[in-house]
C-alpha atoms as a PDB file:
ATOM      1  CA  MET A   1      84.597 157.962 121.264  1.00  0.00           C
ATOM      2  CA  ARG A   2      83.528 154.378 121.831  1.00  0.00           C
ATOM      3  CA  ARG A   3      85.019 151.967 119.299  1.00  0.00           C
ATOM      4  CA  SER A   4      82.704 149.969 117.064  1.00  0.00           C
ATOM      5  CA  ILE A   5      83.215 147.345 114.382  1.00  0.00           C
ATOM      6  CA  GLN A   6      81.422 145.908 111.364  1.00  0.00           C
ATOM      7  CA  TRP A   7      82.127 142.241 110.702  1.00  0.00           C
ATOM      8  CA  PRO A   8      82.330 140.632 107.239  1.00  0.00           C
ATOM      9  CA  GLY A   9      78.920 139.889 105.787  1.00  0.00           C
ATOM     10  CA  ASN A  10      77.335 142.046 108.494  1.00  0.00           C
ATOM     11  CA  LYS A  11      77.567 139.190 110.981  1.00  0.00           C
ATOM     12  CA  LEU A  12      76.359 139.961 114.481  1.00  0.00           C
ATOM     13  CA  LEU A  13      79.278 138.511 116.403  1.00  0.00           C
ATOM     14  CA  ALA A  14      82.771 137.164 115.964  1.00  0.00           C
ATOM     15  CA  CYS A  15      82.944 134.018 118.086  1.00  0.00           C
ATOM     16  CA  THR A  16      86.323 132.468 118.806  1.00  0.00           C
ATOM     17  CA  PHE A  17      87.688 129.669 120.954  1.00  0.00           C
ATOM     18  CA  THR A  18      91.133 129.599 122.511  1.00  0.00           C
ATOM     19  CA  ILE A  19      93.188 126.744 123.948  1.00  0.00           C
ATOM     20  CA  ALA A  20      96.306 127.336 126.026  1.00  0.00           C
ATOM     21  CA  LEU A  21      98.874 124.549 125.713  1.00  0.00           C
ATOM     22  CA  GLU A  22     101.381 125.363 128.405  1.00  0.00           C
ATOM     23  CA  ALA A  23     104.515 123.947 130.012  1.00  0.00           C
ATOM     24  CA  PHE A  24     106.335 124.707 133.241  1.00  0.00           C
ATOM     25  CA  ARG A  25     109.841 124.148 134.592  1.00  0.00           C
ATOM     26  CA  LYS A  26     109.264 124.907 138.281  1.00  0.00           C
ATOM     27  CA  SER A  27     105.581 124.672 139.189  1.00  0.00           C
ATOM     28  CA  GLY A  28     102.222 124.527 137.458  1.00  0.00           C
ATOM     29  CA  ARG A  29      98.959 125.945 138.793  1.00  0.00           C
ATOM     30  CA  PHE A  30      97.943 123.020 141.003  1.00  0.00           C
ATOM     31  CA  LYS A  31      99.273 122.663 144.582  1.00  0.00           C
ATOM     32  CA  ARG A  32     101.595 125.648 144.340  1.00  0.00           C
ATOM     33  CA  ASP A  33     104.006 125.786 147.256  1.00  0.00           C
ATOM     34  CA  PRO A  34     106.740 128.445 147.492  1.00  0.00           C
ATOM     35  CA  LYS A  35     108.777 126.115 149.716  1.00  0.00           C
ATOM     36  CA  ILE A  36     109.252 123.609 146.860  1.00  0.00           C
ATOM     37  CA  PRO A  37     111.878 124.808 144.330  1.00  0.00           C
ATOM     38  CA  VAL A  38     110.751 122.319 141.670  1.00  0.00           C
ATOM     39  CA  ASN A  39     107.236 121.042 142.296  1.00  0.00           C
ATOM     40  CA  LEU A  40     107.003 117.754 140.408  1.00  0.00           C
ATOM     41  CA  CYS A  41     103.414 117.111 141.513  1.00  0.00           C
ATOM     42  CA  SER A  42     102.338 120.454 140.105  1.00  0.00           C
ATOM     43  CA  ILE A  43     104.311 119.947 136.884  1.00  0.00           C
ATOM     44  CA  SER A  44     102.768 116.496 136.494  1.00  0.00           C
ATOM     45  CA  HIS A  45      99.314 118.036 136.756  1.00  0.00           C
ATOM     46  CA  ALA A  46     100.243 120.547 134.054  1.00  0.00           C
ATOM     47  CA  ASN A  47     101.620 117.803 131.802  1.00  0.00           C
ATOM     48  CA  TYR A  48      98.123 116.347 131.558  1.00  0.00           C
ATOM     49  CA  GLY A  49      97.439 119.118 129.057  1.00  0.00           C
ATOM     50  CA  GLY A  50      99.893 117.872 126.455  1.00  0.00           C
ATOM     51  CA  ASN A  51      99.537 114.165 127.199  1.00  0.00           C
ATOM     52  CA  ALA A  52      95.742 113.891 127.224  1.00  0.00           C
ATOM     53  CA  GLY A  53      93.797 117.142 127.454  1.00  0.00           C
ATOM     54  CA  ILE A  54      94.843 118.654 124.137  1.00  0.00           C
ATOM     55  CA  TRP A  55      93.809 115.516 122.269  1.00  0.00           C
ATOM     56  CA  ARG A  56      90.337 115.523 123.859  1.00  0.00           C
ATOM     57  CA  LEU A  57      89.875 119.203 123.038  1.00  0.00           C
ATOM     58  CA  MET A  58      91.015 118.586 119.468  1.00  0.00           C
ATOM     59  CA  GLU A  59      88.361 115.878 119.131  1.00  0.00           C
ATOM     60  CA  ILE A  60      85.701 118.282 120.453  1.00  0.00           C
ATOM     61  CA  LEU A  61      86.689 120.906 117.892  1.00  0.00           C
ATOM     62  CA  GLU A  62      86.691 118.351 115.080  1.00  0.00           C
ATOM     63  CA  ARG A  63      83.259 116.902 115.765  1.00  0.00           C
ATOM     64  CA  ASN A  64      81.758 120.399 116.089  1.00  0.00           C
ATOM     65  CA  HIS A  65      83.531 121.744 112.974  1.00  0.00           C
ATOM     66  CA  VAL A  66      85.221 124.652 114.739  1.00  0.00           C
ATOM     67  CA  ARG A  67      88.741 126.062 114.451  1.00  0.00           C
ATOM     68  CA  ALA A  68      90.535 127.427 117.496  1.00  0.00           C
ATOM     69  CA  MET A  69      93.473 129.641 118.349  1.00  0.00           C
ATOM     70  CA  ILE A  70      96.164 127.696 120.195  1.00  0.00           C
ATOM     71  CA  LEU A  71      98.456 129.544 122.602  1.00  0.00           C
ATOM     72  CA  ALA A  72     101.587 127.420 122.775  1.00  0.00           C
ATOM     73  CA  ASN A  73     104.617 127.876 125.014  1.00  0.00           C
ATOM     74  CA  GLY A  74     107.856 127.104 123.192  1.00  0.00           C
ATOM     75  CA  LEU A  75     108.611 124.384 125.734  1.00  0.00           C
ATOM     76  CA  ALA A  76     105.151 122.885 125.184  1.00  0.00           C
ATOM     77  CA  VAL A  77     105.819 122.720 121.448  1.00  0.00           C
ATOM     78  CA  GLN A  78     109.100 120.941 122.143  1.00  0.00           C
ATOM     79  CA  LYS A  79     107.471 118.474 124.552  1.00  0.00           C
ATOM     80  CA  TRP A  80     104.391 117.678 122.431  1.00  0.00           C
ATOM     81  CA  PRO A  81     105.319 118.365 118.780  1.00  0.00           C
ATOM     82  CA  ASP A  82     102.933 115.691 117.431  1.00  0.00           C
ATOM     83  CA  ALA A  83      99.960 117.433 119.036  1.00  0.00           C
ATOM     84  CA  VAL A  84     101.022 120.846 117.747  1.00  0.00           C
ATOM     85  CA  ARG A  85     101.534 119.531 114.222  1.00  0.00           C
ATOM     86  CA  ALA A  86      98.129 117.808 114.328  1.00  0.00           C
ATOM     87  CA  LEU A  87      96.478 121.052 115.447  1.00  0.00           C
ATOM     88  CA  HIS A  88      98.166 123.000 112.647  1.00  0.00           C
ATOM     89  CA  GLN A  89      97.208 120.419 110.037  1.00  0.00           C
ATOM     90  CA  ALA A  90      93.586 120.582 111.222  1.00  0.00           C
ATOM     91  CA  GLY A  91      93.483 124.320 110.485  1.00  0.00           C
ATOM     92  CA  HIS A  92      93.871 125.725 113.984  1.00  0.00           C
ATOM     93  CA  GLU A  93      96.066 128.784 114.463  1.00  0.00           C
ATOM     94  CA  ILE A  94      99.226 128.351 116.537  1.00  0.00           C
ATOM     95  CA  ALA A  95     100.210 131.552 118.362  1.00  0.00           C
ATOM     96  CA  GLY A  96     103.223 132.551 120.443  1.00  0.00           C
ATOM     97  CA  HIS A  97     102.900 132.287 124.219  1.00  0.00           C
ATOM     98  CA  GLY A  98     106.441 132.727 125.489  1.00  0.00           C
ATOM     99  CA  MET A  99     108.790 129.886 126.314  1.00  0.00           C
ATOM    100  CA  THR A 100     107.189 128.720 129.572  1.00  0.00           C
ATOM    101  CA  ASN A 101     104.482 129.908 131.918  1.00  0.00           C
ATOM    102  CA  ASP A 102     107.070 130.266 134.688  1.00  0.00           C
ATOM    103  CA  ILE A 103     108.394 133.465 133.112  1.00  0.00           C
ATOM    104  CA  ASP A 104     106.366 136.614 132.464  1.00  0.00           C
ATOM    105  CA  MET A 105     107.448 139.318 130.042  1.00  0.00           C
ATOM    106  CA  THR A 106     107.392 141.744 132.973  1.00  0.00           C
ATOM    107  CA  ASP A 107     110.287 139.747 134.496  1.00  0.00           C
ATOM    108  CA  LEU A 108     112.512 140.539 131.518  1.00  0.00           C
ATOM    109  CA  THR A 109     114.446 143.450 130.065  1.00  0.00           C
ATOM    110  CA  PRO A 110     113.502 144.552 126.523  1.00  0.00           C
ATOM    111  CA  ALA A 111     116.498 142.626 125.150  1.00  0.00           C
ATOM    112  CA  GLN A 112     115.427 139.506 127.044  1.00  0.00           C
ATOM    113  CA  GLN A 113     111.858 139.925 125.820  1.00  0.00           C
ATOM    114  CA  LEU A 114     113.105 140.058 122.247  1.00  0.00           C
ATOM    115  CA  GLU A 115     115.048 136.841 122.804  1.00  0.00           C
ATOM    116  CA  GLU A 116     111.938 135.220 124.312  1.00  0.00           C
ATOM    117  CA  ILE A 117     109.869 136.236 121.286  1.00  0.00           C
ATOM    118  CA  ARG A 118     112.463 135.105 118.756  1.00  0.00           C
ATOM    119  CA  THR A 119     113.214 131.780 120.451  1.00  0.00           C
ATOM    120  CA  SER A 120     109.598 130.698 120.873  1.00  0.00           C
ATOM    121  CA  THR A 121     108.762 131.903 117.357  1.00  0.00           C
ATOM    122  CA  LYS A 122     111.548 129.796 115.853  1.00  0.00           C
ATOM    123  CA  ILE A 123     110.479 126.694 117.766  1.00  0.00           C
ATOM    124  CA  ILE A 124     106.941 126.979 116.424  1.00  0.00           C
ATOM    125  CA  GLN A 125     108.130 127.670 112.885  1.00  0.00           C
ATOM    126  CA  ASP A 126     110.567 124.759 112.927  1.00  0.00           C
ATOM    127  CA  THR A 127     107.826 122.413 114.205  1.00  0.00           C
ATOM    128  CA  ILE A 128     104.898 123.264 111.930  1.00  0.00           C
ATOM    129  CA  GLY A 129     106.676 124.900 108.981  1.00  0.00           C
ATOM    130  CA  ALA A 130     104.831 128.196 109.415  1.00  0.00           C
ATOM    131  CA  ARG A 131     105.662 131.303 111.367  1.00  0.00           C
ATOM    132  CA  PRO A 132     103.177 132.462 114.034  1.00  0.00           C
ATOM    133  CA  VAL A 133     101.667 135.899 113.464  1.00  0.00           C
ATOM    134  CA  GLY A 134      99.960 136.335 116.832  1.00  0.00           C
ATOM    135  CA  TRP A 135     101.124 136.653 120.407  1.00  0.00           C
ATOM    136  CA  PHE A 136      99.573 136.410 123.845  1.00  0.00           C
ATOM    137  CA  GLY A 137     102.216 136.380 126.557  1.00  0.00           C
ATOM    138  CA  PRO A 138     101.822 134.315 129.732  1.00  0.00           C
ATOM    139  CA  GLY A 139      99.088 135.958 131.771  1.00  0.00           C
ATOM    140  CA  GLY A 140      98.883 138.703 129.169  1.00  0.00           C
ATOM    141  CA  LEU A 141     101.595 140.505 131.138  1.00  0.00           C
ATOM    142  CA  HIS A 142     103.619 142.977 129.089  1.00  0.00           C
ATOM    143  CA  THR A 143     105.720 146.121 129.351  1.00  0.00           C
ATOM    144  CA  GLU A 144     105.791 149.417 127.469  1.00  0.00           C
ATOM    145  CA  GLU A 145     108.179 147.853 124.960  1.00  0.00           C
ATOM    146  CA  THR A 146     106.466 144.512 124.303  1.00  0.00           C
ATOM    147  CA  LEU A 147     104.041 145.572 121.570  1.00  0.00           C
ATOM    148  CA  GLY A 148     106.752 147.413 119.637  1.00  0.00           C
ATOM    149  CA  LEU A 149     109.014 144.372 119.787  1.00  0.00           C
ATOM    150  CA  LEU A 150     106.215 142.208 118.394  1.00  0.00           C
ATOM    151  CA  ALA A 151     105.485 144.684 115.590  1.00  0.00           C
ATOM    152  CA  ASP A 152     109.179 144.870 114.704  1.00  0.00           C
ATOM    153  CA  GLU A 153     109.274 141.049 114.511  1.00  0.00           C
ATOM    154  CA  GLY A 154     106.399 141.018 112.013  1.00  0.00           C
ATOM    155  CA  TYR A 155     103.551 139.988 114.282  1.00  0.00           C
ATOM    156  CA  LEU A 156     100.080 140.933 113.070  1.00  0.00           C
ATOM    157  CA  TRP A 157      98.216 140.768 116.364  1.00  0.00           C
ATOM    158  CA  SER A 158      98.597 140.828 120.123  1.00  0.00           C
ATOM    159  CA  ALA A 159      96.035 139.747 122.714  1.00  0.00           C
ATOM    160  CA  ASP A 160      97.919 141.064 125.762  1.00  0.00           C
ATOM    161  CA  LEU A 161      95.660 144.074 126.235  1.00  0.00           C
ATOM    162  CA  CYS A 162      92.196 143.915 127.775  1.00  0.00           C
ATOM    163  CA  ASP A 163      90.985 147.501 127.382  1.00  0.00           C
ATOM    164  CA  ASP A 164      88.040 147.108 124.993  1.00  0.00           C
ATOM    165  CA  ASP A 165      85.341 144.755 123.711  1.00  0.00           C
ATOM    166  CA  VAL A 166      86.340 144.690 120.037  1.00  0.00           C
ATOM    167  CA  PRO A 167      89.623 144.570 118.083  1.00  0.00           C
ATOM    168  CA  TYR A 168      91.349 147.732 116.907  1.00  0.00           C
ATOM    169  CA  VAL A 169      94.542 148.708 115.083  1.00  0.00           C
ATOM    170  CA  VAL A 170      97.394 150.780 116.504  1.00  0.00           C
ATOM    171  CA  ARG A 171     100.662 152.123 115.174  1.00  0.00           C
ATOM    172  CA  VAL A 172     103.851 151.448 117.108  1.00  0.00           C
ATOM    173  CA  ASN A 173     107.451 151.998 115.970  1.00  0.00           C
ATOM    174  CA  GLY A 174     105.996 153.085 112.616  1.00  0.00           C
ATOM    175  CA  LYS A 175     104.241 149.744 112.085  1.00  0.00           C
ATOM    176  CA  ARG A 176     100.609 148.696 112.365  1.00  0.00           C
ATOM    177  CA  ILE A 177      99.453 145.842 114.572  1.00  0.00           C
ATOM    178  CA  CYS A 178      95.988 144.627 115.554  1.00  0.00           C
ATOM    179  CA  ILE A 179      94.978 144.491 119.208  1.00  0.00           C
ATOM    180  CA  ILE A 180      92.512 141.675 119.902  1.00  0.00           C
ATOM    181  CA  PRO A 181      91.576 142.435 123.503  1.00  0.00           C
ATOM    182  CA  LYS A 182      91.583 139.647 126.037  1.00  0.00           C
ATOM    183  CA  SER A 183      87.994 138.984 127.081  1.00  0.00           C
ATOM    184  CA  TRP A 184      86.691 137.488 130.301  1.00  0.00           C
ATOM    185  CA  TYR A 185      83.537 135.697 129.167  1.00  0.00           C
ATOM    186  CA  ALA A 186      84.932 132.248 129.865  1.00  0.00           C
ATOM    187  CA  ASN A 187      88.256 131.224 131.364  1.00  0.00           C
ATOM    188  CA  ASP A 188      88.418 127.727 132.819  1.00  0.00           C
ATOM    189  CA  TRP A 189      91.158 128.669 135.284  1.00  0.00           C
ATOM    190  CA  ARG A 190      88.731 130.943 137.118  1.00  0.00           C
ATOM    191  CA  ALA A 191      85.861 128.475 136.823  1.00  0.00           C
ATOM    192  CA  TRP A 192      88.038 125.532 137.844  1.00  0.00           C
ATOM    193  CA  GLY A 193      88.390 126.580 141.475  1.00  0.00           C
ATOM    194  CA  GLU A 194      91.261 124.200 142.319  1.00  0.00           C
ATOM    195  CA  GLY A 195      89.208 121.314 140.969  1.00  0.00           C
ATOM    196  CA  ALA A 196      86.155 122.061 143.121  1.00  0.00           C
ATOM    197  CA  SER A 197      84.012 123.380 140.271  1.00  0.00           C
ATOM    198  CA  ASN A 198      82.581 121.733 137.170  1.00  0.00           C
ATOM    199  CA  GLY A 199      81.745 122.179 133.510  1.00  0.00           C
ATOM    200  CA  ALA A 200      78.222 123.383 134.246  1.00  0.00           C
ATOM    201  CA  THR A 201      79.502 126.433 136.127  1.00  0.00           C
ATOM    202  CA  PHE A 202      81.966 127.150 133.338  1.00  0.00           C
ATOM    203  CA  PHE A 203      79.260 126.873 130.681  1.00  0.00           C
ATOM    204  CA  THR A 204      76.748 129.048 132.540  1.00  0.00           C
ATOM    205  CA  GLY A 205      79.115 132.008 132.653  1.00  0.00           C
ATOM    206  CA  TYR A 206      79.744 131.771 128.925  1.00  0.00           C
ATOM    207  CA  LYS A 207      76.051 131.280 128.100  1.00  0.00           C
ATOM    208  CA  GLU A 208      74.988 134.397 129.971  1.00  0.00           C
ATOM    209  CA  GLY A 209      77.773 136.432 128.355  1.00  0.00           C
ATOM    210  CA  PHE A 210      76.919 135.123 124.886  1.00  0.00           C
ATOM    211  CA  GLU A 211      73.236 135.944 125.262  1.00  0.00           C
ATOM    212  CA  PHE A 212      74.057 139.455 126.457  1.00  0.00           C
ATOM    213  CA  VAL A 213      76.432 140.388 123.617  1.00  0.00           C
ATOM    214  CA  TYR A 214      74.122 138.681 121.101  1.00  0.00           C
ATOM    215  CA  GLU A 215      71.255 140.932 122.203  1.00  0.00           C
ATOM    216  CA  GLU A 216      73.555 143.970 122.008  1.00  0.00           C
ATOM    217  CA  ALA A 217      74.426 142.986 118.443  1.00  0.00           C
ATOM    218  CA  CYS A 218      70.769 142.587 117.536  1.00  0.00           C
ATOM    219  CA  ARG A 219      70.259 146.159 118.767  1.00  0.00           C
ATOM    220  CA  GLY A 220      72.970 147.372 116.384  1.00  0.00           C
ATOM    221  CA  ARG A 221      76.345 146.952 118.134  1.00  0.00           C
ATOM    222  CA  PRO A 222      78.274 143.970 116.701  1.00  0.00           C
ATOM    223  CA  GLY A 223      80.658 142.405 119.210  1.00  0.00           C
ATOM    224  CA  MET A 224      83.018 139.562 119.944  1.00  0.00           C
ATOM    225  CA  ILE A 225      83.115 136.705 122.408  1.00  0.00           C
ATOM    226  CA  ASP A 226      85.833 134.174 123.184  1.00  0.00           C
ATOM    227  CA  GLY A 227      85.861 130.987 125.226  1.00  0.00           C
ATOM    228  CA  LEU A 228      89.236 129.982 126.657  1.00  0.00           C
ATOM    229  CA  VAL A 229      90.412 126.684 128.102  1.00  0.00           C
ATOM    230  CA  HIS A 230      93.779 125.449 129.303  1.00  0.00           C
ATOM    231  CA  ALA A 231      94.541 121.962 128.047  1.00  0.00           C
ATOM    232  CA  GLU A 232      95.534 120.851 131.556  1.00  0.00           C
ATOM    233  CA  LEU A 233      92.207 122.052 133.036  1.00  0.00           C
ATOM    234  CA  GLY A 234      89.555 122.314 130.332  1.00  0.00           C
ATOM    235  CA  GLY A 235      90.873 119.151 128.757  1.00  0.00           C
ATOM    236  CA  ARG A 236      89.741 117.088 131.757  1.00  0.00           C
ATOM    237  CA  PRO A 237      86.369 115.387 131.258  1.00  0.00           C
ATOM    238  CA  TYR A 238      84.428 117.283 133.936  1.00  0.00           C
ATOM    239  CA  MET A 239      85.466 120.631 132.414  1.00  0.00           C
ATOM    240  CA  ALA A 240      85.620 119.590 128.746  1.00  0.00           C
ATOM    241  CA  VAL A 241      81.861 118.976 128.778  1.00  0.00           C
ATOM    242  CA  GLY A 242      81.353 122.681 129.522  1.00  0.00           C
ATOM    243  CA  PHE A 243      83.666 123.668 126.667  1.00  0.00           C
ATOM    244  CA  GLU A 244      81.786 121.479 124.205  1.00  0.00           C
ATOM    245  CA  ASN A 245      78.440 122.884 125.353  1.00  0.00           C
ATOM    246  CA  MET A 246      79.773 126.399 124.748  1.00  0.00           C
ATOM    247  CA  ILE A 247      80.630 125.450 121.175  1.00  0.00           C
ATOM    248  CA  LYS A 248      77.237 123.807 120.650  1.00  0.00           C
ATOM    249  CA  LEU A 249      75.467 126.939 121.889  1.00  0.00           C
ATOM    250  CA  THR A 250      77.482 129.106 119.529  1.00  0.00           C
ATOM    251  CA  ASN A 251      76.853 126.790 116.604  1.00  0.00           C
ATOM    252  CA  GLN A 252      73.109 127.229 117.022  1.00  0.00           C
ATOM    253  CA  HIS A 253      73.634 130.749 115.653  1.00  0.00           C
ATOM    254  CA  ARG A 254      76.102 129.814 112.944  1.00  0.00           C
ATOM    255  CA  SER A 255      74.327 131.730 110.182  1.00  0.00           C
ATOM    256  CA  GLU A 256      74.522 134.946 112.208  1.00  0.00           C
ATOM    257  CA  ILE A 257      78.084 134.765 113.479  1.00  0.00           C
ATOM    258  CA  TRP A 258      81.617 134.771 112.124  1.00  0.00           C
ATOM    259  CA  GLN A 259      83.929 132.058 113.465  1.00  0.00           C
ATOM    260  CA  PRO A 260      87.413 133.200 112.409  1.00  0.00           C
ATOM    261  CA  THR A 261      90.892 132.519 113.660  1.00  0.00           C
ATOM    262  CA  TYR A 262      92.657 135.439 115.314  1.00  0.00           C
ATOM    263  CA  ARG A 263      94.828 135.770 112.234  1.00  0.00           C
ATOM    264  CA  GLU A 264      91.704 136.267 110.107  1.00  0.00           C
ATOM    265  CA  ILE A 265      90.433 138.912 112.519  1.00  0.00           C
ATOM    266  CA  ALA A 266      93.758 140.746 112.378  1.00  0.00           C
ATOM    267  CA  GLU A 267      93.998 140.590 108.603  1.00  0.00           C
ATOM    268  CA  TYR A 268      90.435 141.897 108.288  1.00  0.00           C
ATOM    269  CA  CYS A 269      90.993 144.751 110.739  1.00  0.00           C
ATOM    270  CA  LEU A 270      94.329 145.737 109.201  1.00  0.00           C
ATOM    271  CA  ALA A 271      92.753 145.781 105.737  1.00  0.00           C
ATOM    272  CA  THR A 272      89.701 147.823 106.742  1.00  0.00           C
ATOM    273  CA  THR A 273      91.272 150.327 109.146  1.00  0.00           C
ATOM    274  CA  LYS A 274      92.421 153.477 107.386  1.00  0.00           C
ATOM    275  CA  ASP A 275      93.762 155.579 110.243  1.00  0.00           C
ATOM    276  CA  ALA A 276      95.500 153.623 112.979  1.00  0.00           C
ATOM    277  CA  GLU A 277      95.846 155.359 116.314  1.00  0.00           C
ATOM    278  CA  GLU A 278      99.222 155.693 117.993  1.00  0.00           C
ATOM    279  CA  TYR A 279      99.833 153.078 120.695  1.00  0.00           C
ATOM    280  CA  LYS A 280      99.609 154.527 124.218  1.00  0.00           C
ATOM    281  CA  PRO A 281     100.703 151.958 126.813  1.00  0.00           C
ATOM    282  CA  TYR A 282      98.917 153.808 129.609  1.00  0.00           C
ATOM    283  CA  GLY A 283      95.771 154.572 127.647  1.00  0.00           C
END
């Protein structure tokens, strides 16, 4: 049976915005070259996110009165603690995102995954004074064991899966955890095109997706939409303009939509779901 959801106050949509604040030890996304063991040019490009991009994105969120979910590598938190503390103090949710974007959970044994989760969790907690309750691993990559490890560590939600349009609750290792599926309405990495694209292209994809799910909701099927930027990409002026226009479009419907953090979505779903299904990694 197709999953459905009813949002608080009978809102039509849950609209969220996500920022990835990432750090690398070997190579970022730009000018990748397998012949270069440590690509300083690529790392420098990635460092723009913590040095400049995250601050611009924070200003956009502030002037449009929107909270975001921040995916933060442990190394990024260590490199730019002032930015992470400022985001937390402004009411944005800080979520776990592994230690660096050089390492995927699929590269690790279950024991190594647990260490990755615990180490990055502690770094965030020590920096902002609050423990993260949500996780989205680098690339969303995960193994059969990942979700159970997160549930055992007290996490309330995971965004690694991308198998539905709306959140749902599962039971794993005897514990309940909310799945907030990764959506594809707007991701600046795909729109960026190695720097050849622009904010208008990024915005158009989101606008068409928003209008479609909004019309579905008006016909009786409430939904969810998320816009995601990476601080190193979407934080650059020619892409940031698209991100701000996405927020402005969403805000035009503010009375009809819910703009929660992921934690608020998870807490709502966990509180309103009576019978959680058993987690099946292969569906």
